[in-house]
């Protein structure tokens, strides 16, 4: 499923639902020692996906430990991202010589809870998506998908690639995303990040997960030219979604379930 969203330099692994064969490495165990069963299963299965992706890159199956802001700590020379939501877990990796950053996100294909769309989107984004009123599902690539949730997923993919690359956080309102439909049922999303930056999204309808992937290609010669980034925030971001901040959102409704800690 997710491979249709990824650049050719990336490798991936995904699993639908729990993986009974998945096991944690000893270094990972303490991070979920007190976790509830669902959290432990998601943490375990998505890391099993990461280790399959390691193998696809020709790397040994090492641990994937949470780092600053819960961003996964990848081996030197590797960039990557993980995601999980109800019924789906996935990991994507690439060599840092090929991609400077990559971020993925999967969400349940359900409307966002009341008040969340206004908290995570700009008026222009809502207007372009026809979301001025109730966020009803809309056609997408010949199917039906909740466009408000798709926008949320695209922004999550942006944040999860931005933070590990730059070490700064974006507010939801600092990413202005627009969608451009493609013939293959995916959409390309452009916005505040340019410089060889691509976000691709896909929605399947029927309750399955809209998915988003964002990558930034490595430019040569290094260093990569980057847009001006906002100053690092000190008040912290939303737990579990690297780079997704709470600044200016402290009174907003809680984000929807589906972007759990990695």
Protein backbone atom coordinates (compact mmCIF):
# COMPACT_ATOMS: atom_id res chain seq x y z
CA UNK A 1 0.00 0.00 0.00
CA UNK A 2 2.45 2.66 1.14
CA UNK A 3 5.00 1.92 -1.59
CA UNK A 4 2.98 3.96 -4.09
CA UNK A 5 3.73 7.08 -2.06
CA UNK A 6 7.47 6.62 -1.70
CA UNK A 7 10.50 7.70 -3.74
CA UNK A 8 12.56 4.91 -5.30
CA UNK A 9 15.38 5.42 -2.81
CA UNK A 10 13.19 4.34 0.12
CA UNK A 11 12.58 0.84 1.48
CA UNK A 12 9.52 -0.05 3.49
CA UNK A 13 7.70 -2.70 5.49
CA UNK A 14 4.10 -2.70 6.66
CA UNK A 15 1.74 -4.93 8.62
CA UNK A 16 -2.01 -4.93 8.98
CA UNK A 17 -2.97 -5.32 12.60
CA UNK A 18 -0.92 -7.02 15.34
CA UNK A 19 1.99 -9.25 14.38
CA UNK A 20 2.10 -12.21 16.82
CA UNK A 21 5.63 -13.04 15.69
CA UNK A 22 7.02 -9.57 16.48
CA UNK A 23 9.45 -9.34 19.40
CA UNK A 24 11.17 -6.46 21.12
CA UNK A 25 14.92 -6.35 21.58
CA UNK A 26 16.20 -6.08 25.19
CA UNK A 27 17.09 -2.39 24.73
CA UNK A 28 13.50 -1.61 23.71
CA UNK A 29 11.71 -3.42 26.52
CA UNK A 30 12.10 -0.70 29.20
CA UNK A 31 10.28 1.84 27.03
CA UNK A 32 7.00 -0.07 27.23
CA UNK A 33 7.48 -1.98 30.47
CA UNK A 34 4.53 -0.18 32.08
CA UNK A 35 2.49 0.30 28.90
CA UNK A 36 -1.00 -1.02 28.31
CA UNK A 37 -1.33 -4.00 25.98
CA UNK A 38 -2.40 -1.99 22.94
CA UNK A 39 0.47 0.47 23.24
CA UNK A 40 2.96 -2.36 23.71
CA UNK A 41 1.63 -4.21 20.65
CA UNK A 42 1.83 -1.13 18.41
CA UNK A 43 5.33 -0.29 19.67
CA UNK A 44 6.43 -3.90 19.03
CA UNK A 45 4.85 -4.43 15.63
CA UNK A 46 6.04 -1.17 14.12
CA UNK A 47 9.59 -1.98 15.23
CA UNK A 48 9.32 -5.37 13.61
CA UNK A 49 8.45 -3.46 10.43
CA UNK A 50 11.53 -1.28 10.94
CA UNK A 51 13.76 -4.33 11.25
CA UNK A 52 12.38 -5.75 8.00
CA UNK A 53 13.23 -2.41 6.40
CA UNK A 54 16.73 -2.63 7.91
CA UNK A 55 17.15 -5.95 6.15
CA UNK A 56 16.04 -4.41 2.87
CA UNK A 57 18.83 -1.86 3.27
CA UNK A 58 21.32 -4.61 4.08
CA UNK A 59 21.59 -3.59 7.74
CA UNK A 60 21.50 -5.81 10.87
CA UNK A 61 18.31 -5.88 12.97
CA UNK A 62 19.17 -3.33 15.64
CA UNK A 63 16.94 -1.63 18.23
CA UNK A 64 14.85 1.44 17.41
CA UNK A 65 14.75 3.55 20.56
CA UNK A 66 12.74 6.74 21.14
CA UNK A 67 14.87 9.86 21.12
CA UNK A 68 14.18 13.54 21.68
CA UNK A 69 10.45 14.24 21.28
CA UNK A 70 10.01 10.48 20.76
CA UNK A 71 11.52 10.68 17.30
CA UNK A 72 12.99 7.26 16.41
CA UNK A 73 16.76 7.05 16.72
CA UNK A 74 18.03 5.49 13.51
CA UNK A 75 21.51 4.10 12.85
CA UNK A 76 24.10 6.53 11.55
CA UNK A 77 23.63 7.16 7.87
CA UNK A 78 19.93 6.22 7.89
CA UNK A 79 16.79 8.36 7.81
CA UNK A 80 13.35 6.96 8.45
CA UNK A 81 9.87 7.23 9.87
CA UNK A 82 7.26 4.97 11.46
CA UNK A 83 3.52 5.17 11.85
CA UNK A 84 0.67 3.16 13.31
CA UNK A 85 -3.08 3.50 13.55
CA UNK A 86 -5.98 1.10 13.99
CA UNK A 87 -5.20 -1.95 11.85
CA UNK A 88 -2.02 -0.65 10.24
CA UNK A 89 1.69 -0.28 11.08
CA UNK A 90 4.52 0.76 8.76
CA UNK A 91 8.17 1.82 8.68
CA UNK A 92 10.10 3.49 5.87
CA UNK A 93 13.89 3.93 5.66
CA UNK A 94 16.45 5.35 3.27
CA UNK A 95 20.16 6.02 3.28
CA UNK A 96 21.03 9.57 4.28
CA UNK A 97 23.15 9.86 1.16
CA UNK A 98 19.96 9.49 -0.90
CA UNK A 99 17.33 11.34 1.13
CA UNK A 100 17.83 14.05 3.70
CA UNK A 101 14.56 13.25 5.48
CA UNK A 102 11.37 11.25 5.16
CA UNK A 103 8.13 11.21 7.15
CA UNK A 104 5.08 8.96 6.92
CA UNK A 105 1.70 8.94 8.61
CA UNK A 106 -1.41 6.74 8.51
CA UNK A 107 -4.78 7.68 9.95
CA UNK A 108 -8.23 6.06 10.19
CA UNK A 109 -10.46 7.22 7.33
CA UNK A 110 -12.88 9.00 9.64
CA UNK A 111 -13.79 12.67 10.05
CA UNK A 112 -11.75 14.59 12.57
CA UNK A 113 -13.46 15.20 15.92
CA UNK A 114 -15.35 18.46 16.26
CA UNK A 115 -13.08 21.47 16.53
CA UNK A 116 -9.87 19.72 15.49
CA UNK A 117 -9.94 20.82 11.84
CA UNK A 118 -9.99 24.48 12.87
CA UNK A 119 -7.10 23.85 15.26
CA UNK A 120 -4.80 22.21 12.70
CA UNK A 121 -5.61 24.02 9.46
CA UNK A 122 -5.48 27.45 7.87
CA UNK A 123 -8.55 29.17 6.39
CA UNK A 124 -6.99 28.89 2.93
CA UNK A 125 -6.50 25.16 3.30
CA UNK A 126 -10.12 24.67 4.33
CA UNK A 127 -11.30 26.78 1.41
CA UNK A 128 -9.21 24.86 -1.13
CA UNK A 129 -10.53 21.54 0.19
CA UNK A 130 -14.12 22.76 0.39
CA UNK A 131 -14.12 22.27 4.15
CA UNK A 132 -15.84 25.46 5.15
CA UNK A 133 -18.69 23.49 6.71
CA UNK A 134 -18.99 19.95 8.08
CA UNK A 135 -16.09 17.85 6.82
CA UNK A 136 -18.03 15.28 4.83
CA UNK A 137 -16.12 12.66 2.81
CA UNK A 138 -15.28 13.80 -0.71
CA UNK A 139 -14.17 12.04 -3.91
CA UNK A 140 -10.48 11.28 -4.06
CA UNK A 141 -8.89 9.39 -6.93
CA UNK A 142 -12.23 7.85 -7.89
CA UNK A 143 -12.96 6.89 -4.28
CA UNK A 144 -14.25 8.61 -1.19
CA UNK A 145 -11.98 9.84 1.57
CA UNK A 146 -12.30 12.19 4.52
CA UNK A 147 -10.37 15.18 3.25
CA UNK A 148 -9.99 16.77 6.68
CA UNK A 149 -8.26 13.62 7.94
CA UNK A 150 -6.13 13.49 4.80
CA UNK A 151 -4.95 17.04 5.46
CA UNK A 152 -4.10 16.09 9.04
CA UNK A 153 -2.13 13.09 7.79
CA UNK A 154 -0.19 15.17 5.27
CA UNK A 155 0.77 17.66 7.97
CA UNK A 156 1.89 14.86 10.27
CA UNK A 157 4.16 13.52 7.51
CA UNK A 158 5.67 16.99 7.11
CA UNK A 159 6.31 17.41 10.83
CA UNK A 160 7.84 13.96 11.19
CA UNK A 161 10.41 14.72 8.51
CA UNK A 162 11.01 18.35 9.50
CA UNK A 163 11.90 17.85 13.16
CA UNK A 164 14.65 15.21 12.79
CA UNK A 165 16.21 17.19 9.95
CA UNK A 166 16.22 20.68 11.49
CA UNK A 167 15.66 20.10 15.21
CA UNK A 168 12.91 22.74 15.26
CA UNK A 169 9.16 22.42 15.44
CA UNK A 170 6.37 23.65 13.21
CA UNK A 171 3.04 24.84 14.42
CA UNK A 172 0.11 23.40 12.50
CA UNK A 173 -0.45 26.87 11.06
CA UNK A 174 3.12 27.14 9.80
CA UNK A 175 2.52 24.53 7.12
CA UNK A 176 0.16 25.63 4.34
CA UNK A 177 -0.71 22.58 2.24
CA UNK A 178 -2.57 22.35 -1.04
CA UNK A 179 -3.42 19.18 -2.94
CA UNK A 180 -3.07 18.40 -6.64
CA UNK A 181 -4.73 15.20 -7.82
CA UNK A 182 -2.76 12.58 -9.73
CA UNK A 183 -3.98 9.98 -12.24
CA UNK A 184 -2.90 7.10 -10.00
CA UNK A 185 -5.32 7.93 -7.19
CA UNK A 186 -2.72 9.77 -5.15
CA UNK A 187 -2.40 13.47 -4.54
CA UNK A 188 0.69 15.61 -4.39
CA UNK A 189 0.67 18.22 -1.69
CA UNK A 190 2.82 21.33 -1.78
CA UNK A 191 3.15 24.06 0.79
CA UNK A 192 5.52 26.00 2.98
CA UNK A 193 8.36 23.52 2.42
CA UNK A 194 9.84 23.51 -1.06
CA UNK A 195 13.45 22.81 -2.11
CA UNK A 196 12.87 19.35 -3.59
CA UNK A 197 10.22 18.54 -0.99
CA UNK A 198 7.29 16.30 -1.90
CA UNK A 199 4.28 15.13 0.05
CA UNK A 200 2.14 12.40 -1.47
CA UNK A 201 -1.14 11.25 0.02
CA UNK A 202 -3.56 8.46 -0.72
CA UNK A 203 -6.99 7.57 0.60
CA UNK A 204 -8.93 4.41 -0.01
CA UNK A 205 -12.25 5.05 1.69
CA UNK A 206 -14.33 2.41 3.37
CA UNK A 207 -12.75 2.94 6.77
CA UNK A 208 -9.21 2.11 5.71
CA UNK A 209 -6.34 4.46 6.35
CA UNK A 210 -5.43 7.62 4.45
CA UNK A 211 -1.68 7.58 4.20
CA UNK A 212 0.87 10.32 3.61
CA UNK A 213 4.58 10.32 2.90
CA UNK A 214 6.88 13.29 2.68
CA UNK A 215 10.52 13.29 1.65
CA UNK A 216 13.27 15.79 0.95
CA UNK A 217 15.89 14.77 -1.56
CA UNK A 218 19.54 15.17 -0.76
CA UNK A 219 21.08 17.91 -2.83
CA UNK A 220 24.67 17.94 -3.93
CA UNK A 221 26.96 19.52 -3.02
CA UNK A 222 26.18 19.39 0.70
CA UNK A 223 24.96 21.31 2.65
CA UNK A 224 21.36 21.07 1.55
CA UNK A 225 19.83 24.49 0.98
CA UNK A 226 16.91 24.83 3.35
CA UNK A 227 14.16 27.39 3.74
CA UNK A 228 14.33 29.65 6.75
CA UNK A 229 13.09 27.64 9.72
CA UNK A 230 11.14 28.92 12.71
CA UNK A 231 12.99 29.19 16.02
CA UNK A 232 13.02 26.11 18.20
CA UNK A 233 10.20 26.07 20.71
CA UNK A 234 10.90 25.26 24.32
CA UNK A 235 7.43 24.40 25.49
CA UNK A 236 7.43 21.01 23.80
CA UNK A 237 5.22 19.42 21.23
CA UNK A 238 2.38 17.00 21.19
CA UNK A 239 3.45 13.79 22.87
CA UNK A 240 4.38 11.12 20.39
CA UNK A 241 4.26 13.05 17.14
CA UNK A 242 7.75 14.45 16.59
CA UNK A 243 7.61 18.05 15.53
CA UNK A 244 3.88 18.52 15.98
CA UNK A 245 3.75 21.36 18.51
CA UNK A 246 1.32 22.56 21.10
CA UNK A 247 2.37 26.20 20.83
CA UNK A 248 -0.68 28.38 20.21
CA UNK A 249 -2.82 25.25 20.56
CA UNK A 250 -3.00 24.86 24.33
CA UNK A 251 -6.77 25.46 24.38
CA UNK A 252 -7.54 23.60 21.19
CA UNK A 253 -9.31 20.22 21.20
CA UNK A 254 -7.07 17.21 21.57
CA UNK A 255 -5.76 15.78 18.29
CA UNK A 256 -7.51 12.65 17.01
CA UNK A 257 -6.41 9.20 17.94
CA UNK A 258 -4.12 7.69 15.33
CA UNK A 259 -0.87 9.57 15.88
CA UNK A 260 0.32 7.67 18.90
CA UNK A 261 3.78 7.71 20.36
CA UNK A 262 6.29 5.91 18.19
